[in-house]
C-alpha atoms as a PDB file:
ATOM      1  CA  UNK A   1     182.729  87.898   0.090  1.00  0.00           C
ATOM      2  CA  UNK A   2     182.425  91.316  -2.218  1.00  0.00           C
ATOM      3  CA  UNK A   3     186.263  91.692  -3.503  1.00  0.00           C
ATOM      4  CA  UNK A   4     188.230  94.948  -2.274  1.00  0.00           C
ATOM      5  CA  UNK A   5     189.557  95.333  -5.931  1.00  0.00           C
ATOM      6  CA  UNK A   6     187.625  97.550  -8.492  1.00  0.00           C
ATOM      7  CA  UNK A   7     185.328  95.313 -11.039  1.00  0.00           C
ATOM      8  CA  UNK A   8     185.333  95.972 -14.560  1.00  0.00           C
ATOM      9  CA  UNK A   9     183.553  94.482 -17.076  1.00  0.00           C
ATOM     10  CA  UNK A  10     185.182  94.649 -20.488  1.00  0.00           C
ATOM     11  CA  UNK A  11     182.172  94.021 -23.642  1.00  0.00           C
ATOM     12  CA  UNK A  12     184.401  93.153 -26.655  1.00  0.00           C
ATOM     13  CA  UNK A  13     183.989  90.933 -29.544  1.00  0.00           C
ATOM     14  CA  UNK A  14     187.203  90.919 -30.671  1.00  0.00           C
ATOM     15  CA  UNK A  15     188.894  88.218 -28.441  1.00  0.00           C
ATOM     16  CA  UNK A  16     192.313  89.730 -29.273  1.00  0.00           C
ATOM     17  CA  UNK A  17     192.007  93.020 -27.797  1.00  0.00           C
ATOM     18  CA  UNK A  18     189.242  91.492 -25.153  1.00  0.00           C
ATOM     19  CA  UNK A  19     192.493  89.812 -23.790  1.00  0.00           C
ATOM     20  CA  UNK A  20     194.729  92.094 -24.149  1.00  0.00           C
ATOM     21  CA  UNK A  21     192.906  94.562 -22.190  1.00  0.00           C
ATOM     22  CA  UNK A  22     191.664  92.164 -19.651  1.00  0.00           C
ATOM     23  CA  UNK A  23     195.181  90.882 -18.952  1.00  0.00           C
ATOM     24  CA  UNK A  24     196.697  94.493 -18.559  1.00  0.00           C
ATOM     25  CA  UNK A  25     193.994  95.174 -15.919  1.00  0.00           C
ATOM     26  CA  UNK A  26     194.202  92.397 -14.039  1.00  0.00           C
ATOM     27  CA  UNK A  27     197.889  93.203 -13.886  1.00  0.00           C
ATOM     28  CA  UNK A  28     196.926  96.741 -12.411  1.00  0.00           C
ATOM     29  CA  UNK A  29     195.003  94.715  -9.373  1.00  0.00           C
ATOM     30  CA  UNK A  30     190.940  94.783 -11.168  1.00  0.00           C
ATOM     31  CA  UNK A  31     188.780  91.997 -11.037  1.00  0.00           C
ATOM     32  CA  UNK A  32     188.155  91.774 -14.664  1.00  0.00           C
ATOM     33  CA  UNK A  33     184.867  90.012 -16.497  1.00  0.00           C
ATOM     34  CA  UNK A  34     184.537  89.707 -20.105  1.00  0.00           C
ATOM     35  CA  UNK A  35     181.804  89.557 -22.288  1.00  0.00           C
ATOM     36  CA  UNK A  36     181.584  89.425 -26.129  1.00  0.00           C
ATOM     37  CA  UNK A  37     178.003  89.607 -26.449  1.00  0.00           C
ATOM     38  CA  UNK A  38     175.151  92.010 -25.459  1.00  0.00           C
ATOM     39  CA  UNK A  39     173.140  89.771 -23.691  1.00  0.00           C
ATOM     40  CA  UNK A  40     175.859  87.784 -21.898  1.00  0.00           C
ATOM     41  CA  UNK A  41     176.862  91.075 -20.353  1.00  0.00           C
ATOM     42  CA  UNK A  42     173.485  91.950 -19.373  1.00  0.00           C
ATOM     43  CA  UNK A  43     173.542  88.734 -17.509  1.00  0.00           C
ATOM     44  CA  UNK A  44     176.956  89.538 -15.900  1.00  0.00           C
ATOM     45  CA  UNK A  45     175.716  92.914 -15.163  1.00  0.00           C
ATOM     46  CA  UNK A  46     172.778  91.802 -12.983  1.00  0.00           C
ATOM     47  CA  UNK A  47     174.722  88.866 -11.348  1.00  0.00           C
ATOM     48  CA  UNK A  48     177.669  90.836 -10.153  1.00  0.00           C
ATOM     49  CA  UNK A  49     178.507  94.218  -8.441  1.00  0.00           C
ATOM     50  CA  UNK A  50     180.585  95.996 -10.985  1.00  0.00           C
ATOM     51  CA  UNK A  51     182.288  99.526 -10.540  1.00  0.00           C
ATOM     52  CA  UNK A  52     182.793 100.210 -14.628  1.00  0.00           C
ATOM     53  CA  UNK A  53     182.051  98.731 -17.709  1.00  0.00           C
ATOM     54  CA  UNK A  54     184.362  99.171 -20.651  1.00  0.00           C
ATOM     55  CA  UNK A  55     181.699  99.019 -23.699  1.00  0.00           C
ATOM     56  CA  UNK A  56     182.289  98.695 -27.556  1.00  0.00           C
ATOM     57  CA  UNK A  57     179.718 100.030 -29.374  1.00  0.00           C
ATOM     58  CA  UNK A  58     179.956  97.364 -32.537  1.00  0.00           C
ATOM     59  CA  UNK A  59     178.720  93.674 -30.732  1.00  0.00           C
ATOM     60  CA  UNK A  60     177.570  90.672 -32.532  1.00  0.00           C
ATOM     61  CA  UNK A  61     173.943  90.496 -31.493  1.00  0.00           C
ATOM     62  CA  UNK A  62     172.662  94.275 -29.561  1.00  0.00           C
ATOM     63  CA  UNK A  63     174.488  97.273 -30.368  1.00  0.00           C
ATOM     64  CA  UNK A  64     176.342  99.027 -27.549  1.00  0.00           C
ATOM     65  CA  UNK A  65     173.667 101.726 -27.469  1.00  0.00           C
ATOM     66  CA  UNK A  66     171.253  99.703 -27.118  1.00  0.00           C
ATOM     67  CA  UNK A  67     172.802  97.610 -24.140  1.00  0.00           C
ATOM     68  CA  UNK A  68     173.486 100.874 -22.353  1.00  0.00           C
ATOM     69  CA  UNK A  69     169.835 101.605 -22.745  1.00  0.00           C
ATOM     70  CA  UNK A  70     169.041  98.436 -20.822  1.00  0.00           C
ATOM     71  CA  UNK A  71     171.517  98.496 -18.379  1.00  0.00           C
ATOM     72  CA  UNK A  72     170.072 102.263 -17.285  1.00  0.00           C
ATOM     73  CA  UNK A  73     166.470 100.513 -16.959  1.00  0.00           C
ATOM     74  CA  UNK A  74     167.587  98.444 -14.307  1.00  0.00           C
ATOM     75  CA  UNK A  75     167.859  99.475 -10.776  1.00  0.00           C
ATOM     76  CA  UNK A  76     170.777  97.529 -10.019  1.00  0.00           C
ATOM     77  CA  UNK A  77     172.753  98.772 -13.011  1.00  0.00           C
ATOM     78  CA  UNK A  78     171.151 102.064 -13.598  1.00  0.00           C
ATOM     79  CA  UNK A  79     174.727 103.878 -12.265  1.00  0.00           C
ATOM     80  CA  UNK A  80     177.205 101.911 -13.436  1.00  0.00           C
ATOM     81  CA  UNK A  81     180.195 103.896 -14.860  1.00  0.00           C
ATOM     82  CA  UNK A  82     180.423 103.188 -18.873  1.00  0.00           C
ATOM     83  CA  UNK A  83     183.047 104.144 -21.035  1.00  0.00           C
ATOM     84  CA  UNK A  84     182.610 103.553 -24.739  1.00  0.00           C
ATOM     85  CA  UNK A  85     185.412 101.992 -26.610  1.00  0.00           C
ATOM     86  CA  UNK A  86     184.921 101.789 -30.335  1.00  0.00           C
ATOM     87  CA  UNK A  87     186.176 102.675 -33.774  1.00  0.00           C
ATOM     88  CA  UNK A  88     183.122 104.930 -34.402  1.00  0.00           C
ATOM     89  CA  UNK A  89     184.301 108.775 -34.349  1.00  0.00           C
ATOM     90  CA  UNK A  90     181.419 110.656 -35.403  1.00  0.00           C
ATOM     91  CA  UNK A  91     180.089 113.178 -33.602  1.00  0.00           C
ATOM     92  CA  UNK A  92     176.484 111.763 -33.662  1.00  0.00           C
ATOM     93  CA  UNK A  93     177.413 108.350 -32.082  1.00  0.00           C
ATOM     94  CA  UNK A  94     179.400 110.408 -29.214  1.00  0.00           C
ATOM     95  CA  UNK A  95     176.110 112.742 -28.614  1.00  0.00           C
ATOM     96  CA  UNK A  96     174.208 109.831 -28.419  1.00  0.00           C
ATOM     97  CA  UNK A  97     176.407 107.973 -25.946  1.00  0.00           C
ATOM     98  CA  UNK A  98     176.780 111.119 -23.798  1.00  0.00           C
ATOM     99  CA  UNK A  99     172.528 111.427 -23.958  1.00  0.00           C
ATOM    100  CA  UNK A 100     172.781 107.660 -22.425  1.00  0.00           C
ATOM    101  CA  UNK A 101     174.980 108.763 -19.456  1.00  0.00           C
ATOM    102  CA  UNK A 102     178.164 107.177 -20.446  1.00  0.00           C
ATOM    103  CA  UNK A 103     181.100 108.975 -18.615  1.00  0.00           C
ATOM    104  CA  UNK A 104     183.647 109.047 -21.233  1.00  0.00           C
ATOM    105  CA  UNK A 105     184.637 107.912 -24.873  1.00  0.00           C
ATOM    106  CA  UNK A 106     187.610 106.252 -26.461  1.00  0.00           C
ATOM    107  CA  UNK A 107     188.080 105.703 -30.086  1.00  0.00           C
ATOM    108  CA  UNK A 108     190.328 102.768 -31.241  1.00  0.00           C
ATOM    109  CA  UNK A 109     193.338 103.082 -31.697  1.00  0.00           C
ATOM    110  CA  UNK A 110     194.159 103.564 -28.195  1.00  0.00           C
ATOM    111  CA  UNK A 111     196.794 104.330 -25.558  1.00  0.00           C
ATOM    112  CA  UNK A 112     196.480 101.667 -22.899  1.00  0.00           C
ATOM    113  CA  UNK A 113     198.085 103.623 -20.421  1.00  0.00           C
ATOM    114  CA  UNK A 114     195.260 106.293 -21.334  1.00  0.00           C
ATOM    115  CA  UNK A 115     192.630 104.007 -20.919  1.00  0.00           C
ATOM    116  CA  UNK A 116     193.683 103.158 -17.549  1.00  0.00           C
ATOM    117  CA  UNK A 117     193.950 106.845 -16.271  1.00  0.00           C
ATOM    118  CA  UNK A 118     190.203 107.091 -17.498  1.00  0.00           C
ATOM    119  CA  UNK A 119     189.338 103.879 -15.934  1.00  0.00           C
ATOM    120  CA  UNK A 120     190.700 104.794 -12.872  1.00  0.00           C
ATOM    121  CA  UNK A 121     189.077 108.655 -12.748  1.00  0.00           C
ATOM    122  CA  UNK A 122     185.871 107.227 -13.613  1.00  0.00           C
ATOM    123  CA  UNK A 123     185.687 104.588 -10.561  1.00  0.00           C
ATOM    124  CA  UNK A 124     187.043 107.011  -8.282  1.00  0.00           C
ATOM    125  CA  UNK A 125     184.380 109.808  -9.321  1.00  0.00           C
ATOM    126  CA  UNK A 126     181.908 107.027  -8.997  1.00  0.00           C
ATOM    127  CA  UNK A 127     182.967 106.131  -5.360  1.00  0.00           C
ATOM    128  CA  UNK A 128     182.755 109.607  -4.400  1.00  0.00           C
ATOM    129  CA  UNK A 129     179.346 110.364  -5.678  1.00  0.00           C
ATOM    130  CA  UNK A 130     177.859 106.980  -4.129  1.00  0.00           C
ATOM    131  CA  UNK A 131     179.032 108.190  -0.327  1.00  0.00           C
ATOM    132  CA  UNK A 132     175.251 108.386   0.184  1.00  0.00           C
ATOM    133  CA  UNK A 133     172.797 105.539  -0.319  1.00  0.00           C
ATOM    134  CA  UNK A 134     170.408 106.572  -4.054  1.00  0.00           C
ATOM    135  CA  UNK A 135     167.363 104.891  -2.010  1.00  0.00           C
ATOM    136  CA  UNK A 136     167.704 105.336   1.636  1.00  0.00           C
ATOM    137  CA  UNK A 137     169.683 108.778   1.300  1.00  0.00           C
ATOM    138  CA  UNK A 138     171.536 107.224   4.191  1.00  0.00           C
ATOM    139  CA  UNK A 139     175.526 107.651   4.293  1.00  0.00           C
ATOM    140  CA  UNK A 140     177.499 104.418   3.153  1.00  0.00           C
ATOM    141  CA  UNK A 141     181.042 103.559   2.143  1.00  0.00           C
ATOM    142  CA  UNK A 142     183.657 105.480   3.637  1.00  0.00           C
ATOM    143  CA  UNK A 143     181.573 108.105   5.409  1.00  0.00           C
ATOM    144  CA  UNK A 144     180.152 105.106   7.752  1.00  0.00           C
ATOM    145  CA  UNK A 145     183.768 103.660   8.085  1.00  0.00           C
ATOM    146  CA  UNK A 146     185.284 106.801   9.031  1.00  0.00           C
ATOM    147  CA  UNK A 147     182.629 107.317  11.730  1.00  0.00           C
ATOM    148  CA  UNK A 148     182.750 103.889  13.187  1.00  0.00           C
ATOM    149  CA  UNK A 149     186.489 104.559  13.369  1.00  0.00           C
ATOM    150  CA  UNK A 150     185.969 107.787  15.451  1.00  0.00           C
ATOM    151  CA  UNK A 151     183.788 106.040  17.880  1.00  0.00           C
ATOM    152  CA  UNK A 152     185.810 103.009  18.079  1.00  0.00           C
ATOM    153  CA  UNK A 153     189.009 105.375  19.160  1.00  0.00           C
ATOM    154  CA  UNK A 154     187.377 107.933  20.587  1.00  0.00           C
ATOM    155  CA  UNK A 155     188.271 107.026  24.313  1.00  0.00           C
ATOM    156  CA  UNK A 156     184.743 107.033  25.427  1.00  0.00           C
ATOM    157  CA  UNK A 157     182.397 104.567  26.132  1.00  0.00           C
ATOM    158  CA  UNK A 158     179.813 104.465  22.996  1.00  0.00           C
ATOM    159  CA  UNK A 159     177.255 102.118  21.733  1.00  0.00           C
ATOM    160  CA  UNK A 160     176.825 100.335  18.450  1.00  0.00           C
ATOM    161  CA  UNK A 161     173.092  98.916  17.400  1.00  0.00           C
ATOM    162  CA  UNK A 162     173.278  97.265  13.445  1.00  0.00           C
ATOM    163  CA  UNK A 163     170.271  95.763  11.576  1.00  0.00           C
ATOM    164  CA  UNK A 164     170.100  93.847   8.627  1.00  0.00           C
ATOM    165  CA  UNK A 165     167.223  92.590   6.456  1.00  0.00           C
ATOM    166  CA  UNK A 166     167.740  88.747   5.648  1.00  0.00           C
ATOM    167  CA  UNK A 167     166.191  87.728   2.533  1.00  0.00           C
ATOM    168  CA  UNK A 168     165.837  90.943   0.642  1.00  0.00           C
ATOM    169  CA  UNK A 169     167.479  89.108  -2.219  1.00  0.00           C
ATOM    170  CA  UNK A 170     164.828  86.682  -2.782  1.00  0.00           C
ATOM    171  CA  UNK A 171     162.044  89.351  -1.616  1.00  0.00           C
ATOM    172  CA  UNK A 172     163.533  91.668  -4.827  1.00  0.00           C
ATOM    173  CA  UNK A 173     163.610  88.493  -7.207  1.00  0.00           C
ATOM    174  CA  UNK A 174     160.066  88.045  -6.239  1.00  0.00           C
ATOM    175  CA  UNK A 175     158.340  91.201  -6.068  1.00  0.00           C
ATOM    176  CA  UNK A 176     160.572  93.172  -7.886  1.00  0.00           C
ATOM    177  CA  UNK A 177     163.236  96.537  -7.232  1.00  0.00           C
ATOM    178  CA  UNK A 178     160.352  98.887  -6.532  1.00  0.00           C
ATOM    179  CA  UNK A 179     158.709  96.753  -4.062  1.00  0.00           C
ATOM    180  CA  UNK A 180     162.220  96.079  -2.132  1.00  0.00           C
ATOM    181  CA  UNK A 181     163.283 100.074  -2.397  1.00  0.00           C
ATOM    182  CA  UNK A 182     159.783 101.082  -0.613  1.00  0.00           C
ATOM    183  CA  UNK A 183     160.650  98.345   2.216  1.00  0.00           C
ATOM    184  CA  UNK A 184     164.079  99.877   2.476  1.00  0.00           C
ATOM    185  CA  UNK A 185     162.636 103.080   2.660  1.00  0.00           C
ATOM    186  CA  UNK A 186     160.213 102.392   5.361  1.00  0.00           C
ATOM    187  CA  UNK A 187     162.500 100.719   7.586  1.00  0.00           C
ATOM    188  CA  UNK A 188     164.942 103.569   7.155  1.00  0.00           C
ATOM    189  CA  UNK A 189     161.780 105.855   8.582  1.00  0.00           C
ATOM    190  CA  UNK A 190     161.412 103.581  11.662  1.00  0.00           C
ATOM    191  CA  UNK A 191     165.007 103.992  12.578  1.00  0.00           C
ATOM    192  CA  UNK A 192     164.943 108.061  11.968  1.00  0.00           C
ATOM    193  CA  UNK A 193     161.882 107.989  14.168  1.00  0.00           C
ATOM    194  CA  UNK A 194     163.303 105.761  16.910  1.00  0.00           C
ATOM    195  CA  UNK A 195     166.714 107.735  16.576  1.00  0.00           C
ATOM    196  CA  UNK A 196     164.558 111.059  17.010  1.00  0.00           C
ATOM    197  CA  UNK A 197     162.298 109.438  20.410  1.00  0.00           C
ATOM    198  CA  UNK A 198     165.086 107.639  21.966  1.00  0.00           C
ATOM    199  CA  UNK A 199     168.682 109.158  20.629  1.00  0.00           C
ATOM    200  CA  UNK A 200     170.092 112.404  20.778  1.00  0.00           C
ATOM    201  CA  UNK A 201     171.175 115.021  18.124  1.00  0.00           C
ATOM    202  CA  UNK A 202     174.914 113.579  18.064  1.00  0.00           C
ATOM    203  CA  UNK A 203     173.552 109.803  16.929  1.00  0.00           C
ATOM    204  CA  UNK A 204     175.057 108.375  13.337  1.00  0.00           C
ATOM    205  CA  UNK A 205     172.799 106.505  11.339  1.00  0.00           C
ATOM    206  CA  UNK A 206     174.379 104.918   8.445  1.00  0.00           C
ATOM    207  CA  UNK A 207     174.302 101.493   6.151  1.00  0.00           C
ATOM    208  CA  UNK A 208     177.383  98.966   6.597  1.00  0.00           C
ATOM    209  CA  UNK A 209     175.747  97.208   3.543  1.00  0.00           C
ATOM    210  CA  UNK A 210     172.821  98.370   1.168  1.00  0.00           C
ATOM    211  CA  UNK A 211     170.366  96.163   3.406  1.00  0.00           C
ATOM    212  CA  UNK A 212     172.283  96.539   6.558  1.00  0.00           C
ATOM    213  CA  UNK A 213     171.851  99.524   8.991  1.00  0.00           C
ATOM    214  CA  UNK A 214     174.138 100.930  11.818  1.00  0.00           C
ATOM    215  CA  UNK A 215     172.908 103.223  14.769  1.00  0.00           C
ATOM    216  CA  UNK A 216     176.191 104.873  16.841  1.00  0.00           C
ATOM    217  CA  UNK A 217     174.718 106.504  20.167  1.00  0.00           C
ATOM    218  CA  UNK A 218     175.240 106.270  23.673  1.00  0.00           C
ATOM    219  CA  UNK A 219     175.318 102.634  25.536  1.00  0.00           C
ATOM    220  CA  UNK A 220     172.335 103.553  27.423  1.00  0.00           C
ATOM    221  CA  UNK A 221     170.345 104.491  24.569  1.00  0.00           C
ATOM    222  CA  UNK A 222     170.782 100.895  22.595  1.00  0.00           C
ATOM    223  CA  UNK A 223     167.731  98.705  24.233  1.00  0.00           C
ATOM    224  CA  UNK A 224     165.077 101.495  23.828  1.00  0.00           C
ATOM    225  CA  UNK A 225     165.959 102.267  20.201  1.00  0.00           C
ATOM    226  CA  UNK A 226     166.229  98.493  19.162  1.00  0.00           C
ATOM    227  CA  UNK A 227     163.275  97.954  20.650  1.00  0.00           C
ATOM    228  CA  UNK A 228     161.261 100.250  19.285  1.00  0.00           C
ATOM    229  CA  UNK A 229     162.561  99.707  15.443  1.00  0.00           C
ATOM    230  CA  UNK A 230     162.163  95.791  16.042  1.00  0.00           C
ATOM    231  CA  UNK A 231     158.609  96.354  17.228  1.00  0.00           C
ATOM    232  CA  UNK A 232     157.644  98.958  14.001  1.00  0.00           C
ATOM    233  CA  UNK A 233     159.146  96.311  11.569  1.00  0.00           C
ATOM    234  CA  UNK A 234     157.074  93.737  13.125  1.00  0.00           C
ATOM    235  CA  UNK A 235     154.055  95.797  13.001  1.00  0.00           C
ATOM    236  CA  UNK A 236     154.506  96.946   9.546  1.00  0.00           C
ATOM    237  CA  UNK A 237     155.652  93.634   7.989  1.00  0.00           C
ATOM    238  CA  UNK A 238     152.160  92.705   6.149  1.00  0.00           C
ATOM    239  CA  UNK A 239     152.070  96.034   4.326  1.00  0.00           C
ATOM    240  CA  UNK A 240     155.908  95.234   3.172  1.00  0.00           C
ATOM    241  CA  UNK A 241     154.554  92.311   0.747  1.00  0.00           C
ATOM    242  CA  UNK A 242     152.399  93.399  -2.325  1.00  0.00           C
ATOM    243  CA  UNK A 243     148.844  91.671  -1.212  1.00  0.00           C
ATOM    244  CA  UNK A 244     148.054  91.204  -4.985  1.00  0.00           C
ATOM    245  CA  UNK A 245     150.747  88.329  -5.196  1.00  0.00           C
ATOM    246  CA  UNK A 246     149.501  85.221  -3.855  1.00  0.00           C
ATOM    247  CA  UNK A 247     151.643  82.960  -1.801  1.00  0.00           C
ATOM    248  CA  UNK A 248     154.064  85.666   0.231  1.00  0.00           C
ATOM    249  CA  UNK A 249     154.549  84.469   3.780  1.00  0.00           C
ATOM    250  CA  UNK A 250     154.401  87.647   5.257  1.00  0.00           C
ATOM    251  CA  UNK A 251     157.468  87.691   7.075  1.00  0.00           C
ATOM    252  CA  UNK A 252     160.325  90.091   6.959  1.00  0.00           C
ATOM    253  CA  UNK A 253     163.621  88.411   8.641  1.00  0.00           C
ATOM    254  CA  UNK A 254     165.471  91.099  10.776  1.00  0.00           C
ATOM    255  CA  UNK A 255     169.068  90.165  12.272  1.00  0.00           C
ATOM    256  CA  UNK A 256     170.141  92.676  14.993  1.00  0.00           C
ATOM    257  CA  UNK A 257     173.215  93.096  16.969  1.00  0.00           C
ATOM    258  CA  UNK A 258     173.949  95.899  19.669  1.00  0.00           C
ATOM    259  CA  UNK A 259     177.623  96.385  21.171  1.00  0.00           C
ATOM    260  CA  UNK A 260     178.466  98.529  24.265  1.00  0.00           C
ATOM    261  CA  UNK A 261     181.720 100.056  23.206  1.00  0.00           C
ATOM    262  CA  UNK A 262     184.455 100.393  25.965  1.00  0.00           C
ATOM    263  CA  UNK A 263     188.017 102.452  25.402  1.00  0.00           C
ATOM    264  CA  UNK A 264     190.039 100.169  23.616  1.00  0.00           C
ATOM    265  CA  UNK A 265     188.031  97.425  22.828  1.00  0.00           C
ATOM    266  CA  UNK A 266     188.464  97.572  19.158  1.00  0.00           C
ATOM    267  CA  UNK A 267     192.070  98.867  17.649  1.00  0.00           C
ATOM    268  CA  UNK A 268     190.005 100.790  14.601  1.00  0.00           C
ATOM    269  CA  UNK A 269     186.831 100.958  12.731  1.00  0.00           C
ATOM    270  CA  UNK A 270     187.218  97.905  10.776  1.00  0.00           C
ATOM    271  CA  UNK A 271     187.790  95.978  13.632  1.00  0.00           C
ATOM    272  CA  UNK A 272     184.539  97.161  14.789  1.00  0.00           C
ATOM    273  CA  UNK A 273     182.857  97.157  11.626  1.00  0.00           C
ATOM    274  CA  UNK A 274     183.665  93.327  11.321  1.00  0.00           C
ATOM    275  CA  UNK A 275     182.269  92.753  14.760  1.00  0.00           C
ATOM    276  CA  UNK A 276     179.061  93.961  13.834  1.00  0.00           C
ATOM    277  CA  UNK A 277     179.022  92.008  10.228  1.00  0.00           C
ATOM    278  CA  UNK A 278     179.882  88.842  12.063  1.00  0.00           C
ATOM    279  CA  UNK A 279     177.317  89.016  14.628  1.00  0.00           C
ATOM    280  CA  UNK A 280     174.875  89.705  11.989  1.00  0.00           C
ATOM    281  CA  UNK A 281     175.529  86.884   9.735  1.00  0.00           C
ATOM    282  CA  UNK A 282     175.418  84.628  12.399  1.00  0.00           C
END
């Protein structure tokens, strides 16, 4: 389960400085990982979701500029905010960092309180920007939770339909990010078309998680929308798998759940979201 605390990675080859900064941010309720080498940092970023990276330019193996370039080349890490933490003060170094998408630049020695504020502000800006999923262009995060809360506490009967694509991590590892993103876009289009054909103008579509979708509608529309989406996914499953790759089993595992919401059934949006996620994970 993903932690509610901000996740940051500190990439610094000075162990004393790394320990000091790590301890400080842990005391501020951040979940902190640390790396001394650039290759180690790449491995951590590929495995763990991160909200921000504090990156020293001078590292024992690859410099911070090259590390930043390689992070920006990967779909999973391309949008992680990066703060350069370095002794270099040359204008050219700062411009190079900005060209690579670095969001802030702090030179040593630094004020730890200033660093804390810069980290906090970078994460807040990133979270606001991430209100729309960049692959599907559907709402996610707080926008979705607010809408779920509105339905759960609205005092009117409503319906919630959730879909999850199981096994997408293995699919992505096997066929790559481009193929996985194509699947998500295709499923998004199927969901939109089903809601267009059987839903109403006020129906809502968003992400519960990156590979889980939610549709909020009225109870009497749930079955038709659900059946249309499942049928379209089943009919299209073969096309999701790159045919040039041998050994694909051509099965896309789809889990779904539907909930008819009566007034007072859920205390808030968090309770309703939990009920949907619990049902999808069974």
